[in-house]
Amino acid sequence: MLLRHLLSILFLPFLAAVVIPFWLLTSFAWIDHRWAAGTAVVWLPRLSGALVVAFGLCLLIWCIYLFVRFGQGTIAPWNPTRKQVAAGPYRFVRNPMIIGVALVLSGQAIFWGSWVIALWTCIFILVNHFYFVFSEEPGLEKRFGQSYLIYKANVPRWLPRTRPWRGLE
């Protein structure tokens, strides 16, 4: 069970948030614009980017914990949760895990001043949007039925609610 969790974490968020950005930073350095080294102003976006990365990473770890604890499954589509997760950040927004990864990517783009990573962030968000609309959500509707339909009607996909939804308690 632990091996399945580690493999899904390594394959999905780690690939999207660490491996691909590293590859982009090293492969496209010749065309990517970065913050000017040695200027005092560079530390403001670097600090801001680091804080965004830290927040996104915390959100991602929290979501993975909830999937293991309450969902009894992994984050991987090939080994999905057995129970619907509507706790923690899932009470505010349906896809906080993807938001966490997008925040990590956005923070990296800010930290490095990299338009290449910013572009990758946009592609990541767009691909995930279409994946959720056309694959993930229909699959969740089939797996969890009416309870997911009620959840879906009350909790937004990407922009969080201002108050937590308490419908499945």
C-alpha atoms as a PDB file:
ATOM      1  CA  MET A   1       0.000   0.000   0.000  1.00  0.00           C
ATOM      2  CA  LEU A   2       2.800   2.433   0.912  1.00  0.00           C
ATOM      3  CA  LEU A   3       4.585   1.631  -2.342  1.00  0.00           C
ATOM      4  CA  ARG A   4       1.439   2.468  -4.359  1.00  0.00           C
ATOM      5  CA  HIS A   5       1.181   5.845  -2.608  1.00  0.00           C
ATOM      6  CA  LEU A   6       4.844   6.661  -3.142  1.00  0.00           C
ATOM      7  CA  LEU A   7       4.706   5.686  -6.815  1.00  0.00           C
ATOM      8  CA  SER A   8       1.599   7.784  -7.445  1.00  0.00           C
ATOM      9  CA  ILE A   9       3.162  10.789  -5.679  1.00  0.00           C
ATOM     10  CA  LEU A  10       6.436  10.391  -7.566  1.00  0.00           C
ATOM     11  CA  PHE A  11       4.736   9.894 -10.891  1.00  0.00           C
ATOM     12  CA  LEU A  12       2.108  12.626 -10.790  1.00  0.00           C
ATOM     13  CA  PRO A  13       2.782  15.750  -8.677  1.00  0.00           C
ATOM     14  CA  PHE A  14       6.544  15.241  -8.465  1.00  0.00           C
ATOM     15  CA  LEU A  15       6.822  14.911 -12.232  1.00  0.00           C
ATOM     16  CA  ALA A  16       4.627  17.975 -12.858  1.00  0.00           C
ATOM     17  CA  ALA A  17       6.042  20.201 -10.111  1.00  0.00           C
ATOM     18  CA  VAL A  18       9.713  19.203  -9.926  1.00  0.00           C
ATOM     19  CA  VAL A  19      10.981  17.188 -12.897  1.00  0.00           C
ATOM     20  CA  ILE A  20       9.346  19.180 -15.711  1.00  0.00           C
ATOM     21  CA  PRO A  21      10.162  22.627 -14.217  1.00  0.00           C
ATOM     22  CA  PHE A  22      13.787  21.558 -13.678  1.00  0.00           C
ATOM     23  CA  TRP A  23      13.968  20.327 -17.264  1.00  0.00           C
ATOM     24  CA  LEU A  24      12.417  23.585 -18.508  1.00  0.00           C
ATOM     25  CA  LEU A  25      14.806  25.735 -16.457  1.00  0.00           C
ATOM     26  CA  THR A  26      17.858  23.892 -17.744  1.00  0.00           C
ATOM     27  CA  SER A  27      16.765  23.259 -21.340  1.00  0.00           C
ATOM     28  CA  PHE A  28      15.341  26.686 -22.121  1.00  0.00           C
ATOM     29  CA  ALA A  29      17.678  28.900 -20.102  1.00  0.00           C
ATOM     30  CA  TRP A  30      18.922  30.534 -23.305  1.00  0.00           C
ATOM     31  CA  ILE A  31      15.477  32.042 -24.083  1.00  0.00           C
ATOM     32  CA  ASP A  32      13.974  32.270 -20.601  1.00  0.00           C
ATOM     33  CA  HIS A  33      14.045  35.621 -18.822  1.00  0.00           C
ATOM     34  CA  ARG A  34      15.151  35.506 -15.212  1.00  0.00           C
ATOM     35  CA  TRP A  35      15.455  38.044 -12.435  1.00  0.00           C
ATOM     36  CA  ALA A  36      18.637  40.079 -12.685  1.00  0.00           C
ATOM     37  CA  ALA A  37      21.178  38.635 -10.278  1.00  0.00           C
ATOM     38  CA  GLY A  38      22.755  40.894  -7.710  1.00  0.00           C
ATOM     39  CA  THR A  39      19.950  43.467  -7.457  1.00  0.00           C
ATOM     40  CA  ALA A  40      18.297  44.119  -4.122  1.00  0.00           C
ATOM     41  CA  VAL A  41      14.834  44.070  -5.693  1.00  0.00           C
ATOM     42  CA  VAL A  42      15.197  40.434  -6.757  1.00  0.00           C
ATOM     43  CA  TRP A  43      14.593  39.209  -3.207  1.00  0.00           C
ATOM     44  CA  LEU A  44      11.012  40.481  -3.105  1.00  0.00           C
ATOM     45  CA  PRO A  45       9.747  38.221  -5.920  1.00  0.00           C
ATOM     46  CA  ARG A  46      11.981  35.399  -4.694  1.00  0.00           C
ATOM     47  CA  LEU A  47      10.496  35.609  -1.204  1.00  0.00           C
ATOM     48  CA  SER A  48       6.981  35.891  -2.649  1.00  0.00           C
ATOM     49  CA  GLY A  49       7.592  32.896  -4.923  1.00  0.00           C
ATOM     50  CA  ALA A  50       8.996  30.828  -2.057  1.00  0.00           C
ATOM     51  CA  LEU A  51       5.919  31.587   0.070  1.00  0.00           C
ATOM     52  CA  VAL A  52       3.580  30.584  -2.782  1.00  0.00           C
ATOM     53  CA  VAL A  53       5.550  27.336  -3.272  1.00  0.00           C
ATOM     54  CA  ALA A  54       5.377  26.599   0.471  1.00  0.00           C
ATOM     55  CA  PHE A  55       1.622  27.239   0.604  1.00  0.00           C
ATOM     56  CA  GLY A  56       1.016  25.069  -2.472  1.00  0.00           C
ATOM     57  CA  LEU A  57       3.184  22.281  -1.071  1.00  0.00           C
ATOM     58  CA  CYS A  58       1.327  22.346   2.255  1.00  0.00           C
ATOM     59  CA  LEU A  59      -2.008  22.191   0.436  1.00  0.00           C
ATOM     60  CA  LEU A  60      -0.789  19.300  -1.718  1.00  0.00           C
ATOM     61  CA  ILE A  61       0.471  17.322   1.288  1.00  0.00           C
ATOM     62  CA  TRP A  62      -2.790  17.946   3.162  1.00  0.00           C
ATOM     63  CA  CYS A  63      -4.801  16.678   0.183  1.00  0.00           C
ATOM     64  CA  ILE A  64      -2.673  13.555  -0.174  1.00  0.00           C
ATOM     65  CA  TYR A  65      -3.141  12.880   3.543  1.00  0.00           C
ATOM     66  CA  LEU A  66      -6.930  13.232   3.174  1.00  0.00           C
ATOM     67  CA  PHE A  67      -6.957  10.823   0.223  1.00  0.00           C
ATOM     68  CA  VAL A  68      -5.090   8.225   2.281  1.00  0.00           C
ATOM     69  CA  ARG A  69      -6.967   8.810   5.544  1.00  0.00           C
ATOM     70  CA  PHE A  70     -10.544   9.290   4.366  1.00  0.00           C
ATOM     71  CA  GLY A  71     -10.573   8.240   0.730  1.00  0.00           C
ATOM     72  CA  GLN A  72      -8.758   4.933   1.281  1.00  0.00           C
ATOM     73  CA  GLY A  73      -6.892   5.201  -2.006  1.00  0.00           C
ATOM     74  CA  THR A  74      -4.155   7.069  -3.797  1.00  0.00           C
ATOM     75  CA  ILE A  75      -4.030  10.223  -5.896  1.00  0.00           C
ATOM     76  CA  ALA A  76      -3.436   8.136  -9.025  1.00  0.00           C
ATOM     77  CA  PRO A  77      -6.294   7.564 -11.474  1.00  0.00           C
ATOM     78  CA  TRP A  78      -5.276   3.891 -11.749  1.00  0.00           C
ATOM     79  CA  ASN A  79      -5.781   3.407  -7.980  1.00  0.00           C
ATOM     80  CA  PRO A  80      -8.538   5.852  -7.008  1.00  0.00           C
ATOM     81  CA  THR A  81     -10.081   6.455  -3.630  1.00  0.00           C
ATOM     82  CA  ARG A  82     -12.794   4.072  -2.488  1.00  0.00           C
ATOM     83  CA  LYS A  83     -14.643   6.790  -0.581  1.00  0.00           C
ATOM     84  CA  GLN A  84     -15.522  10.323  -1.591  1.00  0.00           C
ATOM     85  CA  VAL A  85     -13.356  12.942   0.114  1.00  0.00           C
ATOM     86  CA  ALA A  86     -15.218  16.068   1.224  1.00  0.00           C
ATOM     87  CA  ALA A  87     -13.092  17.147   4.191  1.00  0.00           C
ATOM     88  CA  GLY A  88     -10.525  19.876   4.755  1.00  0.00           C
ATOM     89  CA  PRO A  89      -9.920  21.962   1.623  1.00  0.00           C
ATOM     90  CA  TYR A  90     -12.356  19.744  -0.311  1.00  0.00           C
ATOM     91  CA  ARG A  91     -15.132  21.528   1.583  1.00  0.00           C
ATOM     92  CA  PHE A  92     -14.172  24.751  -0.214  1.00  0.00           C
ATOM     93  CA  VAL A  93     -13.170  23.593  -3.695  1.00  0.00           C
ATOM     94  CA  ARG A  94     -13.392  20.290  -5.605  1.00  0.00           C
ATOM     95  CA  ASN A  95      -9.778  20.181  -6.831  1.00  0.00           C
ATOM     96  CA  PRO A  96      -7.483  21.567  -4.128  1.00  0.00           C
ATOM     97  CA  MET A  97      -4.734  19.071  -4.949  1.00  0.00           C
ATOM     98  CA  ILE A  98      -4.393  20.427  -8.498  1.00  0.00           C
ATOM     99  CA  ILE A  99      -4.590  23.959  -7.097  1.00  0.00           C
ATOM    100  CA  GLY A 100      -1.727  23.028  -4.752  1.00  0.00           C
ATOM    101  CA  VAL A 101       0.427  21.848  -7.665  1.00  0.00           C
ATOM    102  CA  ALA A 102      -0.526  24.942  -9.694  1.00  0.00           C
ATOM    103  CA  LEU A 103       0.526  27.121  -6.746  1.00  0.00           C
ATOM    104  CA  VAL A 104       3.868  25.306  -6.531  1.00  0.00           C
ATOM    105  CA  LEU A 105       4.393  25.918 -10.258  1.00  0.00           C
ATOM    106  CA  SER A 106       3.277  29.554 -10.017  1.00  0.00           C
ATOM    107  CA  GLY A 107       5.593  30.108  -7.072  1.00  0.00           C
ATOM    108  CA  GLN A 108       8.491  28.643  -9.035  1.00  0.00           C
ATOM    109  CA  ALA A 109       7.723  30.928 -11.986  1.00  0.00           C
ATOM    110  CA  ILE A 110       7.704  33.921  -9.629  1.00  0.00           C
ATOM    111  CA  PHE A 111      10.803  32.779  -7.731  1.00  0.00           C
ATOM    112  CA  TRP A 112      12.875  32.309 -10.887  1.00  0.00           C
ATOM    113  CA  GLY A 113      11.192  35.025 -12.936  1.00  0.00           C
ATOM    114  CA  SER A 114      10.656  32.349 -15.570  1.00  0.00           C
ATOM    115  CA  TRP A 115       8.108  32.819 -18.320  1.00  0.00           C
ATOM    116  CA  VAL A 116       8.807  29.232 -19.443  1.00  0.00           C
ATOM    117  CA  ILE A 117       7.605  27.844 -16.102  1.00  0.00           C
ATOM    118  CA  ALA A 118       4.693  30.316 -16.190  1.00  0.00           C
ATOM    119  CA  LEU A 119       3.738  28.891 -19.590  1.00  0.00           C
ATOM    120  CA  TRP A 120       4.043  25.331 -18.221  1.00  0.00           C
ATOM    121  CA  THR A 121       1.769  26.377 -15.327  1.00  0.00           C
ATOM    122  CA  CYS A 122      -0.883  27.563 -17.784  1.00  0.00           C
ATOM    123  CA  ILE A 123      -0.608  24.346 -19.813  1.00  0.00           C
ATOM    124  CA  PHE A 124      -0.831  22.271 -16.613  1.00  0.00           C
ATOM    125  CA  ILE A 125      -3.990  24.103 -15.522  1.00  0.00           C
ATOM    126  CA  LEU A 126      -5.598  23.846 -18.962  1.00  0.00           C
ATOM    127  CA  VAL A 127      -4.853  20.125 -19.367  1.00  0.00           C
ATOM    128  CA  ASN A 128      -6.182  19.398 -15.880  1.00  0.00           C
ATOM    129  CA  HIS A 129      -9.313  21.438 -16.497  1.00  0.00           C
ATOM    130  CA  PHE A 130     -10.188  19.377 -19.568  1.00  0.00           C
ATOM    131  CA  TYR A 131      -9.212  16.139 -17.814  1.00  0.00           C
ATOM    132  CA  PHE A 132     -11.520  16.912 -14.886  1.00  0.00           C
ATOM    133  CA  VAL A 133     -14.435  18.043 -17.038  1.00  0.00           C
ATOM    134  CA  PHE A 134     -14.333  15.176 -19.530  1.00  0.00           C
ATOM    135  CA  SER A 135     -12.876  12.263 -17.544  1.00  0.00           C
ATOM    136  CA  GLU A 136     -12.527  12.672 -13.780  1.00  0.00           C
ATOM    137  CA  GLU A 137     -15.930  14.164 -12.964  1.00  0.00           C
ATOM    138  CA  PRO A 138     -17.961  11.714 -15.076  1.00  0.00           C
ATOM    139  CA  GLY A 139     -16.004   8.891 -13.405  1.00  0.00           C
ATOM    140  CA  LEU A 140     -16.724  10.284  -9.945  1.00  0.00           C
ATOM    141  CA  GLU A 141     -20.412  10.579 -10.823  1.00  0.00           C
ATOM    142  CA  LYS A 142     -20.455   6.885 -11.752  1.00  0.00           C
ATOM    143  CA  ARG A 143     -18.480   5.797  -8.668  1.00  0.00           C
ATOM    144  CA  PHE A 144     -20.187   7.897  -6.018  1.00  0.00           C
ATOM    145  CA  GLY A 145     -23.579   8.621  -7.591  1.00  0.00           C
ATOM    146  CA  GLN A 146     -25.974  11.032  -5.948  1.00  0.00           C
ATOM    147  CA  SER A 147     -23.601  12.065  -3.155  1.00  0.00           C
ATOM    148  CA  TYR A 148     -21.059  13.318  -5.719  1.00  0.00           C
ATOM    149  CA  LEU A 149     -23.764  15.102  -7.728  1.00  0.00           C
ATOM    150  CA  ILE A 150     -24.856  16.950  -4.577  1.00  0.00           C
ATOM    151  CA  TYR A 151     -21.235  17.759  -3.736  1.00  0.00           C
ATOM    152  CA  LYS A 152     -20.580  18.930  -7.305  1.00  0.00           C
ATOM    153  CA  ALA A 153     -23.632  21.204  -7.210  1.00  0.00           C
ATOM    154  CA  ASN A 154     -22.460  22.864  -3.981  1.00  0.00           C
ATOM    155  CA  VAL A 155     -18.666  23.020  -4.218  1.00  0.00           C
ATOM    156  CA  PRO A 156     -16.994  24.876  -7.114  1.00  0.00           C
ATOM    157  CA  ARG A 157     -14.380  23.212  -9.306  1.00  0.00           C
ATOM    158  CA  TRP A 158     -11.578  25.813  -9.135  1.00  0.00           C
ATOM    159  CA  LEU A 159     -12.520  28.992  -7.246  1.00  0.00           C
ATOM    160  CA  PRO A 160     -13.026  28.251  -3.529  1.00  0.00           C
ATOM    161  CA  ARG A 161     -16.202  28.980  -1.624  1.00  0.00           C
ATOM    162  CA  THR A 162     -15.965  31.607   1.085  1.00  0.00           C
ATOM    163  CA  ARG A 163     -17.497  29.235   3.666  1.00  0.00           C
ATOM    164  CA  PRO A 164     -16.950  25.497   3.978  1.00  0.00           C
ATOM    165  CA  TRP A 165     -19.637  23.204   2.625  1.00  0.00           C
ATOM    166  CA  ARG A 166     -21.062  20.949   5.319  1.00  0.00           C
ATOM    167  CA  GLY A 167     -23.376  18.816   3.217  1.00  0.00           C
ATOM    168  CA  LEU A 168     -21.835  15.350   3.638  1.00  0.00           C
ATOM    169  CA  GLU A 169     -21.238  15.514   7.400  1.00  0.00           C
END
